[in-house]
Amino acid sequence: MAMLAAVNAVITVYIGPVNKLLSSLGGPIATSTTTGIYMVYGLLAYYIIRKPGTAVVTYAIGGTIQAMTGTVYGIASCFVAAACYIVIAEIIFAAVRYRNWSTGVLMLVGGAMVPLWFVFAANMFGYTAWPIGVLGIALVVRILSGIFLCGLLTKVLGEALAKTGLLRRFAVSAKG
């Protein structure tokens, strides 16, 4: 969990400025395309470990490391985003009783983690000043990014890592 959180924090240091560039080139719609990348580490940890509370620990570590490494969005955003992801991931995995690790469930979680954070981000970063159409399109693009760049990518990365044998001591490698 800590390793995935640390890697994500480093990636976030580099993707933040990319998002700023995307925002200047294509506005809020362009920058919305990368949303899923910010969330993938916690969902990947959950997919590998498959135990209640995995999102709590992983996203808490990730938010802390991101805050310490610096972010173009401010320290508060690290912790608020992490809290939003934790709530949604833990609720959905509890609802499926920590037994369903299908691509569909992972994509559902990836997309479902977006709206709660979007509400907070809209207020923290002034998205509420955007025209309602832009706000709606940005939310849809972010949800799609969550579905594909978080949910689907988690499945792909998790399966690829499991095939290497590196995860043989984790639940993702258990047969049955």
N, C-alpha and C. Protein backbone atom coordinates (compact mmCIF):
# COMPACT_ATOMS: atom_id res chain seq x y z
N MET A 1 0.83 -1.19 0.00
CA MET A 1 0.00 0.00 0.00
C MET A 1 0.87 1.25 0.00
N ALA A 2 1.88 1.23 0.85
CA ALA A 2 2.75 2.40 0.96
C ALA A 2 3.53 2.63 -0.33
N MET A 3 3.97 1.54 -0.95
CA MET A 3 4.73 1.69 -2.20
C MET A 3 3.85 2.29 -3.29
N LEU A 4 2.63 1.79 -3.43
CA LEU A 4 1.72 2.35 -4.44
C LEU A 4 1.40 3.81 -4.15
N ALA A 5 1.19 4.13 -2.88
CA ALA A 5 0.91 5.52 -2.50
C ALA A 5 2.09 6.43 -2.80
N ALA A 6 3.30 5.94 -2.52
CA ALA A 6 4.50 6.74 -2.78
C ALA A 6 4.71 6.97 -4.28
N VAL A 7 4.52 5.92 -5.07
CA VAL A 7 4.66 6.05 -6.52
C VAL A 7 3.63 7.04 -7.04
N ASN A 8 2.40 6.94 -6.55
CA ASN A 8 1.37 7.88 -7.00
C ASN A 8 1.71 9.32 -6.63
N ALA A 9 2.25 9.51 -5.44
CA ALA A 9 2.61 10.87 -5.02
C ALA A 9 3.65 11.47 -5.96
N VAL A 10 4.60 10.67 -6.37
CA VAL A 10 5.62 11.15 -7.31
C VAL A 10 4.98 11.45 -8.66
N ILE A 11 4.11 10.55 -9.12
CA ILE A 11 3.42 10.79 -10.39
C ILE A 11 2.60 12.07 -10.31
N THR A 12 1.95 12.30 -9.17
CA THR A 12 1.13 13.48 -8.98
C THR A 12 1.94 14.76 -9.09
N VAL A 13 3.17 14.72 -8.61
CA VAL A 13 4.04 15.89 -8.71
C VAL A 13 4.21 16.28 -10.18
N TYR A 14 4.27 15.28 -11.05
CA TYR A 14 4.48 15.55 -12.47
C TYR A 14 3.19 15.76 -13.25
N ILE A 15 2.12 15.11 -12.83
CA ILE A 15 0.87 15.25 -13.57
C ILE A 15 0.15 16.56 -13.24
N GLY A 16 0.38 17.12 -12.05
CA GLY A 16 -0.23 18.40 -11.70
C GLY A 16 0.09 19.49 -12.71
N PRO A 17 1.36 19.70 -13.01
CA PRO A 17 1.70 20.70 -14.03
C PRO A 17 1.15 20.36 -15.43
N VAL A 18 1.08 19.07 -15.75
CA VAL A 18 0.49 18.66 -17.03
C VAL A 18 -0.98 19.09 -17.07
N ASN A 19 -1.67 18.88 -15.94
CA ASN A 19 -3.07 19.31 -15.87
C ASN A 19 -3.21 20.81 -15.99
N LYS A 20 -2.30 21.54 -15.41
CA LYS A 20 -2.34 23.00 -15.55
C LYS A 20 -2.18 23.39 -17.02
N LEU A 21 -1.28 22.71 -17.72
CA LEU A 21 -1.08 22.95 -19.15
C LEU A 21 -2.34 22.58 -19.93
N LEU A 22 -2.91 21.40 -19.63
CA LEU A 22 -4.15 20.99 -20.30
C LEU A 22 -5.25 22.02 -20.07
N SER A 23 -5.31 22.53 -18.87
CA SER A 23 -6.33 23.53 -18.54
C SER A 23 -6.14 24.79 -19.37
N SER A 24 -4.91 25.21 -19.55
CA SER A 24 -4.66 26.41 -20.35
C SER A 24 -4.92 26.17 -21.83
N LEU A 25 -4.73 24.94 -22.29
CA LEU A 25 -4.95 24.62 -23.70
C LEU A 25 -6.39 24.28 -24.03
N GLY A 26 -7.04 23.54 -23.13
CA GLY A 26 -8.38 23.06 -23.44
C GLY A 26 -9.40 23.28 -22.35
N GLY A 27 -9.04 24.07 -21.36
CA GLY A 27 -9.98 24.39 -20.29
C GLY A 27 -10.31 23.20 -19.41
N PRO A 28 -11.40 23.31 -18.70
CA PRO A 28 -11.75 22.29 -17.71
C PRO A 28 -12.07 20.92 -18.31
N ILE A 29 -12.46 20.88 -19.56
CA ILE A 29 -12.76 19.59 -20.18
C ILE A 29 -11.46 18.83 -20.42
N ALA A 30 -10.44 19.48 -20.96
CA ALA A 30 -9.16 18.82 -21.24
C ALA A 30 -8.51 18.31 -19.96
N THR A 31 -8.51 19.12 -18.94
CA THR A 31 -7.87 18.71 -17.69
C THR A 31 -8.63 17.59 -16.98
N SER A 32 -9.90 17.44 -17.30
CA SER A 32 -10.72 16.40 -16.68
C SER A 32 -10.34 15.00 -17.16
N THR A 33 -9.64 14.91 -18.28
CA THR A 33 -9.32 13.61 -18.85
C THR A 33 -8.36 12.78 -17.99
N THR A 34 -7.59 13.41 -17.13
CA THR A 34 -6.58 12.69 -16.36
C THR A 34 -7.03 12.30 -14.95
N THR A 35 -8.24 12.59 -14.60
CA THR A 35 -8.73 12.37 -13.23
C THR A 35 -8.46 10.96 -12.71
N GLY A 36 -8.71 9.96 -13.50
CA GLY A 36 -8.56 8.57 -13.06
C GLY A 36 -7.15 8.22 -12.62
N ILE A 37 -6.16 8.86 -13.19
CA ILE A 37 -4.77 8.57 -12.84
C ILE A 37 -4.51 8.91 -11.37
N TYR A 38 -5.14 9.95 -10.88
CA TYR A 38 -4.94 10.36 -9.49
C TYR A 38 -5.47 9.33 -8.48
N MET A 39 -6.41 8.50 -8.89
CA MET A 39 -7.08 7.58 -7.98
C MET A 39 -6.61 6.14 -8.08
N VAL A 40 -5.91 5.78 -9.13
CA VAL A 40 -5.65 4.38 -9.45
C VAL A 40 -4.87 3.64 -8.35
N TYR A 41 -3.98 4.30 -7.66
CA TYR A 41 -3.13 3.60 -6.69
C TYR A 41 -3.92 2.96 -5.56
N GLY A 42 -4.93 3.64 -5.06
CA GLY A 42 -5.73 3.10 -3.96
C GLY A 42 -6.60 1.94 -4.40
N LEU A 43 -7.18 2.05 -5.58
CA LEU A 43 -8.00 0.97 -6.10
C LEU A 43 -7.14 -0.24 -6.44
N LEU A 44 -5.95 0.01 -6.95
CA LEU A 44 -5.04 -1.10 -7.24
C LEU A 44 -4.63 -1.81 -5.96
N ALA A 45 -4.36 -1.08 -4.91
CA ALA A 45 -4.04 -1.69 -3.62
C ALA A 45 -5.21 -2.55 -3.14
N TYR A 46 -6.42 -2.02 -3.27
CA TYR A 46 -7.61 -2.77 -2.86
C TYR A 46 -7.75 -4.06 -3.68
N TYR A 47 -7.53 -3.96 -4.97
CA TYR A 47 -7.64 -5.13 -5.85
C TYR A 47 -6.60 -6.19 -5.47
N ILE A 48 -5.42 -5.77 -5.10
CA ILE A 48 -4.36 -6.71 -4.73
C ILE A 48 -4.62 -7.34 -3.37
N ILE A 49 -4.98 -6.54 -2.38
CA ILE A 49 -5.08 -7.00 -0.99
C ILE A 49 -6.46 -7.58 -0.66
N ARG A 50 -7.51 -6.92 -1.12
CA ARG A 50 -8.89 -7.40 -0.97
C ARG A 50 -9.34 -7.54 0.48
N LYS A 51 -9.01 -6.57 1.30
CA LYS A 51 -9.45 -6.59 2.70
C LYS A 51 -10.06 -5.24 3.06
N PRO A 52 -11.09 -5.28 3.93
CA PRO A 52 -11.72 -4.02 4.37
C PRO A 52 -10.68 -3.06 4.94
N GLY A 53 -10.85 -1.80 4.65
CA GLY A 53 -9.96 -0.77 5.17
C GLY A 53 -8.76 -0.47 4.29
N THR A 54 -8.58 -1.23 3.23
CA THR A 54 -7.43 -1.00 2.35
C THR A 54 -7.45 0.41 1.77
N ALA A 55 -8.61 0.90 1.39
CA ALA A 55 -8.70 2.26 0.85
C ALA A 55 -8.34 3.29 1.91
N VAL A 56 -8.76 3.06 3.14
CA VAL A 56 -8.46 3.99 4.22
C VAL A 56 -6.96 4.17 4.36
N VAL A 57 -6.27 3.06 4.48
CA VAL A 57 -4.82 3.11 4.70
C VAL A 57 -4.09 3.66 3.47
N THR A 58 -4.41 3.13 2.30
CA THR A 58 -3.69 3.51 1.09
C THR A 58 -3.91 4.97 0.72
N TYR A 59 -5.16 5.40 0.69
CA TYR A 59 -5.42 6.80 0.33
C TYR A 59 -4.92 7.76 1.41
N ALA A 60 -4.95 7.35 2.67
CA ALA A 60 -4.41 8.21 3.74
C ALA A 60 -2.90 8.39 3.58
N ILE A 61 -2.22 7.30 3.30
CA ILE A 61 -0.77 7.38 3.06
C ILE A 61 -0.51 8.25 1.82
N GLY A 62 -1.26 7.99 0.76
CA GLY A 62 -1.07 8.75 -0.48
C GLY A 62 -1.31 10.24 -0.30
N GLY A 63 -2.39 10.59 0.40
CA GLY A 63 -2.68 12.00 0.65
C GLY A 63 -1.59 12.67 1.45
N THR A 64 -1.06 11.95 2.44
CA THR A 64 0.02 12.50 3.27
C THR A 64 1.29 12.71 2.47
N ILE A 65 1.66 11.71 1.68
CA ILE A 65 2.88 11.84 0.86
C ILE A 65 2.72 12.95 -0.17
N GLN A 66 1.55 13.03 -0.79
CA GLN A 66 1.30 14.10 -1.76
C GLN A 66 1.44 15.48 -1.10
N ALA A 67 0.90 15.60 0.11
CA ALA A 67 0.99 16.87 0.82
C ALA A 67 2.44 17.22 1.13
N MET A 68 3.24 16.22 1.47
CA MET A 68 4.65 16.47 1.80
C MET A 68 5.51 16.74 0.58
N THR A 69 5.16 16.15 -0.57
CA THR A 69 5.96 16.36 -1.77
C THR A 69 5.58 17.63 -2.50
N GLY A 70 4.43 18.16 -2.16
CA GLY A 70 3.98 19.39 -2.79
C GLY A 70 3.01 19.10 -3.91
N THR A 71 2.03 19.95 -4.04
CA THR A 71 1.04 19.81 -5.10
C THR A 71 0.62 21.20 -5.56
N VAL A 72 0.35 21.30 -6.83
CA VAL A 72 -0.07 22.59 -7.37
C VAL A 72 -1.48 22.95 -6.91
N TYR A 73 -2.18 21.99 -6.31
CA TYR A 73 -3.57 22.22 -5.90
C TYR A 73 -3.73 22.55 -4.42
N GLY A 74 -2.66 22.50 -3.65
CA GLY A 74 -2.75 22.81 -2.23
C GLY A 74 -2.87 21.58 -1.36
N ILE A 75 -2.39 21.68 -0.14
CA ILE A 75 -2.36 20.56 0.79
C ILE A 75 -3.77 20.05 1.12
N ALA A 76 -4.71 20.94 1.33
CA ALA A 76 -6.07 20.51 1.69
C ALA A 76 -6.66 19.58 0.63
N SER A 77 -6.35 19.85 -0.63
CA SER A 77 -6.91 19.01 -1.70
C SER A 77 -6.45 17.56 -1.58
N CYS A 78 -5.23 17.34 -1.10
CA CYS A 78 -4.71 15.98 -0.95
C CYS A 78 -5.56 15.17 0.02
N PHE A 79 -5.91 15.80 1.14
CA PHE A 79 -6.65 15.09 2.18
C PHE A 79 -8.15 14.99 1.90
N VAL A 80 -8.70 16.04 1.31
CA VAL A 80 -10.13 16.01 0.99
C VAL A 80 -10.40 14.99 -0.11
N ALA A 81 -9.57 14.98 -1.15
CA ALA A 81 -9.72 14.00 -2.23
C ALA A 81 -9.60 12.59 -1.68
N ALA A 82 -8.57 12.36 -0.85
CA ALA A 82 -8.37 11.03 -0.27
C ALA A 82 -9.59 10.59 0.54
N ALA A 83 -10.14 11.50 1.32
CA ALA A 83 -11.32 11.17 2.13
C ALA A 83 -12.51 10.81 1.25
N CYS A 84 -12.70 11.54 0.17
CA CYS A 84 -13.80 11.24 -0.76
C CYS A 84 -13.63 9.86 -1.38
N TYR A 85 -12.42 9.55 -1.83
CA TYR A 85 -12.17 8.24 -2.44
C TYR A 85 -12.38 7.13 -1.43
N ILE A 86 -11.92 7.34 -0.20
CA ILE A 86 -12.06 6.33 0.86
C ILE A 86 -13.53 5.99 1.08
N VAL A 87 -14.35 7.00 1.26
CA VAL A 87 -15.76 6.79 1.56
C VAL A 87 -16.42 5.94 0.47
N ILE A 88 -16.24 6.32 -0.76
CA ILE A 88 -16.92 5.62 -1.86
C ILE A 88 -16.38 4.21 -2.04
N ALA A 89 -15.06 4.04 -2.07
CA ALA A 89 -14.49 2.71 -2.27
C ALA A 89 -14.90 1.76 -1.15
N GLU A 90 -14.83 2.21 0.08
CA GLU A 90 -15.18 1.34 1.21
C GLU A 90 -16.67 0.96 1.16
N ILE A 91 -17.53 1.89 0.81
CA ILE A 91 -18.96 1.59 0.73
C ILE A 91 -19.25 0.56 -0.36
N ILE A 92 -18.68 0.76 -1.54
CA ILE A 92 -18.97 -0.16 -2.64
C ILE A 92 -18.40 -1.55 -2.36
N PHE A 93 -17.18 -1.63 -1.88
CA PHE A 93 -16.63 -2.96 -1.61
C PHE A 93 -17.34 -3.65 -0.45
N ALA A 94 -17.82 -2.90 0.51
CA ALA A 94 -18.64 -3.50 1.58
C ALA A 94 -19.95 -4.02 1.00
N ALA A 95 -20.52 -3.28 0.06
CA ALA A 95 -21.79 -3.69 -0.56
C ALA A 95 -21.65 -5.00 -1.33
N VAL A 96 -20.48 -5.25 -1.91
CA VAL A 96 -20.25 -6.52 -2.63
C VAL A 96 -19.55 -7.54 -1.73
N ARG A 97 -19.48 -7.21 -0.44
CA ARG A 97 -18.92 -8.09 0.60
C ARG A 97 -17.48 -8.53 0.31
N TYR A 98 -16.75 -7.65 -0.34
CA TYR A 98 -15.33 -7.90 -0.60
C TYR A 98 -15.11 -9.21 -1.38
N ARG A 99 -16.08 -9.54 -2.25
CA ARG A 99 -16.00 -10.80 -3.00
C ARG A 99 -15.99 -10.61 -4.50
N ASN A 100 -16.44 -9.47 -4.97
CA ASN A 100 -16.56 -9.28 -6.41
C ASN A 100 -15.46 -8.34 -6.88
N TRP A 101 -14.51 -8.88 -7.62
CA TRP A 101 -13.36 -8.12 -8.10
C TRP A 101 -13.34 -8.07 -9.62
N SER A 102 -14.54 -8.13 -10.20
CA SER A 102 -14.67 -8.13 -11.65
C SER A 102 -14.28 -6.77 -12.23
N THR A 103 -14.05 -6.79 -13.52
CA THR A 103 -13.74 -5.55 -14.23
C THR A 103 -14.88 -4.54 -14.05
N GLY A 104 -16.12 -5.02 -14.12
CA GLY A 104 -17.27 -4.14 -13.98
C GLY A 104 -17.32 -3.44 -12.63
N VAL A 105 -17.04 -4.19 -11.56
CA VAL A 105 -17.06 -3.58 -10.22
C VAL A 105 -15.92 -2.57 -10.09
N LEU A 106 -14.75 -2.90 -10.59
CA LEU A 106 -13.62 -1.97 -10.53
C LEU A 106 -13.91 -0.70 -11.33
N MET A 107 -14.54 -0.85 -12.48
CA MET A 107 -14.90 0.32 -13.28
C MET A 107 -15.98 1.14 -12.58
N LEU A 108 -16.93 0.46 -11.92
CA LEU A 108 -17.95 1.16 -11.14
C LEU A 108 -17.31 1.99 -10.03
N VAL A 109 -16.40 1.39 -9.29
CA VAL A 109 -15.73 2.11 -8.20
C VAL A 109 -14.94 3.29 -8.77
N GLY A 110 -14.19 3.05 -9.84
CA GLY A 110 -13.40 4.13 -10.45
C GLY A 110 -14.26 5.32 -10.85
N GLY A 111 -15.41 5.05 -11.44
CA GLY A 111 -16.31 6.15 -11.83
C GLY A 111 -17.04 6.76 -10.64
N ALA A 112 -17.41 5.92 -9.68
CA ALA A 112 -18.20 6.40 -8.54
C ALA A 112 -17.38 7.26 -7.58
N MET A 113 -16.06 7.11 -7.57
CA MET A 113 -15.24 7.93 -6.68
C MET A 113 -15.17 9.39 -7.12
N VAL A 114 -15.53 9.66 -8.36
CA VAL A 114 -15.38 11.00 -8.92
C VAL A 114 -16.39 12.03 -8.40
N PRO A 115 -17.70 11.76 -8.42
CA PRO A 115 -18.66 12.84 -8.11
C PRO A 115 -18.51 13.49 -6.73
N LEU A 116 -18.26 12.72 -5.69
CA LEU A 116 -18.13 13.32 -4.36
C LEU A 116 -16.94 14.29 -4.33
N TRP A 117 -15.81 13.87 -4.83
CA TRP A 117 -14.64 14.76 -4.89
C TRP A 117 -14.93 15.96 -5.79
N PHE A 118 -15.67 15.75 -6.86
CA PHE A 118 -15.99 16.84 -7.78
C PHE A 118 -16.77 17.94 -7.06
N VAL A 119 -17.70 17.56 -6.20
CA VAL A 119 -18.48 18.55 -5.44
C VAL A 119 -17.54 19.40 -4.56
N PHE A 120 -16.63 18.73 -3.86
CA PHE A 120 -15.69 19.47 -3.02
C PHE A 120 -14.74 20.31 -3.86
N ALA A 121 -14.22 19.73 -4.93
CA ALA A 121 -13.28 20.45 -5.80
C ALA A 121 -13.95 21.67 -6.44
N ALA A 122 -15.22 21.52 -6.82
CA ALA A 122 -15.94 22.64 -7.42
C ALA A 122 -15.97 23.84 -6.49
N ASN A 123 -16.10 23.58 -5.22
CA ASN A 123 -16.13 24.66 -4.23
C ASN A 123 -14.73 25.13 -3.86
N MET A 124 -13.76 24.22 -3.81
CA MET A 124 -12.39 24.60 -3.44
C MET A 124 -11.70 25.39 -4.55
N PHE A 125 -11.97 25.03 -5.81
CA PHE A 125 -11.22 25.60 -6.92
C PHE A 125 -12.04 26.52 -7.82
N GLY A 126 -13.27 26.82 -7.44
CA GLY A 126 -14.07 27.77 -8.19
C GLY A 126 -14.75 27.24 -9.43
N TYR A 127 -14.90 25.93 -9.53
CA TYR A 127 -15.60 25.37 -10.70
C TYR A 127 -17.03 25.87 -10.78
N THR A 128 -17.58 26.28 -9.66
CA THR A 128 -18.97 26.74 -9.65
C THR A 128 -19.17 27.98 -10.52
N ALA A 129 -18.08 28.63 -10.91
CA ALA A 129 -18.17 29.79 -11.80
C ALA A 129 -18.28 29.36 -13.27
N TRP A 130 -18.02 28.09 -13.54
CA TRP A 130 -18.12 27.61 -14.92
C TRP A 130 -19.59 27.59 -15.35
N PRO A 131 -19.83 27.78 -16.63
CA PRO A 131 -21.21 27.61 -17.13
C PRO A 131 -21.69 26.19 -16.82
N ILE A 132 -22.97 26.02 -16.57
CA ILE A 132 -23.52 24.73 -16.16
C ILE A 132 -23.24 23.63 -17.19
N GLY A 133 -23.25 23.97 -18.46
CA GLY A 133 -22.94 22.97 -19.50
C GLY A 133 -21.51 22.48 -19.40
N VAL A 134 -20.58 23.39 -19.18
CA VAL A 134 -19.17 23.03 -19.02
C VAL A 134 -18.99 22.19 -17.77
N LEU A 135 -19.65 22.58 -16.71
CA LEU A 135 -19.58 21.84 -15.44
C LEU A 135 -20.07 20.40 -15.64
N GLY A 136 -21.19 20.24 -16.34
CA GLY A 136 -21.74 18.92 -16.61
C GLY A 136 -20.83 18.07 -17.48
N ILE A 137 -20.30 18.66 -18.54
CA ILE A 137 -19.40 17.91 -19.43
C ILE A 137 -18.13 17.53 -18.68
N ALA A 138 -17.59 18.44 -17.89
CA ALA A 138 -16.38 18.14 -17.11
C ALA A 138 -16.63 16.98 -16.16
N LEU A 139 -17.77 16.96 -15.51
CA LEU A 139 -18.10 15.86 -14.60
C LEU A 139 -18.19 14.54 -15.35
N VAL A 140 -18.85 14.54 -16.49
CA VAL A 140 -18.98 13.31 -17.28
C VAL A 140 -17.61 12.83 -17.75
N VAL A 141 -16.77 13.74 -18.22
CA VAL A 141 -15.41 13.36 -18.67
C VAL A 141 -14.61 12.80 -17.50
N ARG A 142 -14.74 13.40 -16.33
CA ARG A 142 -14.03 12.91 -15.15
C ARG A 142 -14.52 11.53 -14.73
N ILE A 143 -15.82 11.32 -14.81
CA ILE A 143 -16.35 10.00 -14.48
C ILE A 143 -15.82 8.96 -15.47
N LEU A 144 -15.83 9.29 -16.75
CA LEU A 144 -15.29 8.37 -17.76
C LEU A 144 -13.80 8.10 -17.52
N SER A 145 -13.07 9.14 -17.15
CA SER A 145 -11.66 8.96 -16.82
C SER A 145 -11.51 8.03 -15.61
N GLY A 146 -12.36 8.20 -14.62
CA GLY A 146 -12.34 7.32 -13.45
C GLY A 146 -12.64 5.88 -13.83
N ILE A 147 -13.61 5.71 -14.71
CA ILE A 147 -13.98 4.37 -15.15
C ILE A 147 -12.82 3.69 -15.86
N PHE A 148 -12.18 4.41 -16.79
CA PHE A 148 -11.15 3.79 -17.62
C PHE A 148 -9.74 3.91 -17.06
N LEU A 149 -9.33 5.13 -16.64
CA LEU A 149 -7.96 5.32 -16.16
C LEU A 149 -7.77 4.92 -14.70
N CYS A 150 -8.85 4.61 -14.02
CA CYS A 150 -8.74 4.08 -12.66
C CYS A 150 -9.27 2.66 -12.62
N GLY A 151 -10.53 2.46 -12.94
CA GLY A 151 -11.14 1.14 -12.84
C GLY A 151 -10.56 0.10 -13.78
N LEU A 152 -10.62 0.38 -15.06
CA LEU A 152 -10.11 -0.58 -16.05
C LEU A 152 -8.59 -0.73 -15.94
N LEU A 153 -7.88 0.37 -15.75
CA LEU A 153 -6.43 0.31 -15.61
C LEU A 153 -6.03 -0.50 -14.38
N THR A 154 -6.80 -0.40 -13.30
CA THR A 154 -6.54 -1.21 -12.11
C THR A 154 -6.59 -2.69 -12.45
N LYS A 155 -7.60 -3.10 -13.18
CA LYS A 155 -7.75 -4.51 -13.56
C LYS A 155 -6.56 -4.95 -14.42
N VAL A 156 -6.21 -4.16 -15.40
CA VAL A 156 -5.11 -4.49 -16.31
C VAL A 156 -3.79 -4.58 -15.53
N LEU A 157 -3.49 -3.55 -14.73
CA LEU A 157 -2.24 -3.56 -13.95
C LEU A 157 -2.22 -4.68 -12.93
N GLY A 158 -3.34 -4.89 -12.24
CA GLY A 158 -3.41 -5.94 -11.22
C GLY A 158 -3.17 -7.31 -11.81
N GLU A 159 -3.80 -7.60 -12.93
CA GLU A 159 -3.62 -8.90 -13.59
C GLU A 159 -2.19 -9.06 -14.10
N ALA A 160 -1.63 -8.00 -14.66
CA ALA A 160 -0.26 -8.06 -15.17
C ALA A 160 0.73 -8.30 -14.02
N LEU A 161 0.52 -7.60 -12.91
CA LEU A 161 1.40 -7.80 -11.75
C LEU A 161 1.24 -9.20 -11.17
N ALA A 162 0.02 -9.71 -11.12
CA ALA A 162 -0.22 -11.06 -10.60
C ALA A 162 0.49 -12.11 -11.45
N LYS A 163 0.50 -11.91 -12.76
CA LYS A 163 1.16 -12.87 -13.66
C LYS A 163 2.67 -12.94 -13.45
N THR A 164 3.26 -11.88 -12.91
CA THR A 164 4.71 -11.90 -12.69
C THR A 164 5.10 -12.78 -11.52
N GLY A 165 4.15 -13.09 -10.65
CA GLY A 165 4.44 -13.88 -9.46
C GLY A 165 4.84 -13.03 -8.26
N LEU A 166 5.02 -11.75 -8.46
CA LEU A 166 5.41 -10.86 -7.37
C LEU A 166 4.34 -10.74 -6.29
N LEU A 167 3.10 -11.02 -6.65
CA LEU A 167 2.00 -10.85 -5.72
C LEU A 167 1.46 -12.18 -5.21
N ARG A 168 2.24 -13.23 -5.29
CA ARG A 168 1.74 -14.55 -4.92
C ARG A 168 1.31 -14.65 -3.45
N ARG A 169 1.78 -13.76 -2.60
CA ARG A 169 1.39 -13.78 -1.18
C ARG A 169 0.14 -12.93 -0.92
N PHE A 170 -0.42 -12.34 -1.97
CA PHE A 170 -1.58 -11.48 -1.80
C PHE A 170 -2.83 -12.13 -2.38
N ALA A 171 -3.98 -11.64 -1.96
CA ALA A 171 -5.27 -12.19 -2.35
C ALA A 171 -5.49 -12.20 -3.86
N VAL A 172 -4.95 -11.26 -4.58
CA VAL A 172 -5.14 -11.18 -6.02
C VAL A 172 -4.63 -12.44 -6.71
N SER A 173 -3.67 -13.12 -6.12
CA SER A 173 -3.09 -14.32 -6.72
C SER A 173 -3.74 -15.60 -6.25
N ALA A 174 -4.67 -15.52 -5.31
CA ALA A 174 -5.34 -16.73 -4.80
C ALA A 174 -6.23 -17.33 -5.88
N LYS A 175 -6.21 -18.60 -6.00
CA LYS A 175 -7.05 -19.29 -6.99
C LYS A 175 -8.41 -19.58 -6.37
N GLY A 176 -9.45 -19.42 -7.19
CA GLY A 176 -10.79 -19.81 -6.72
C GLY A 176 -11.68 -18.74 -6.44
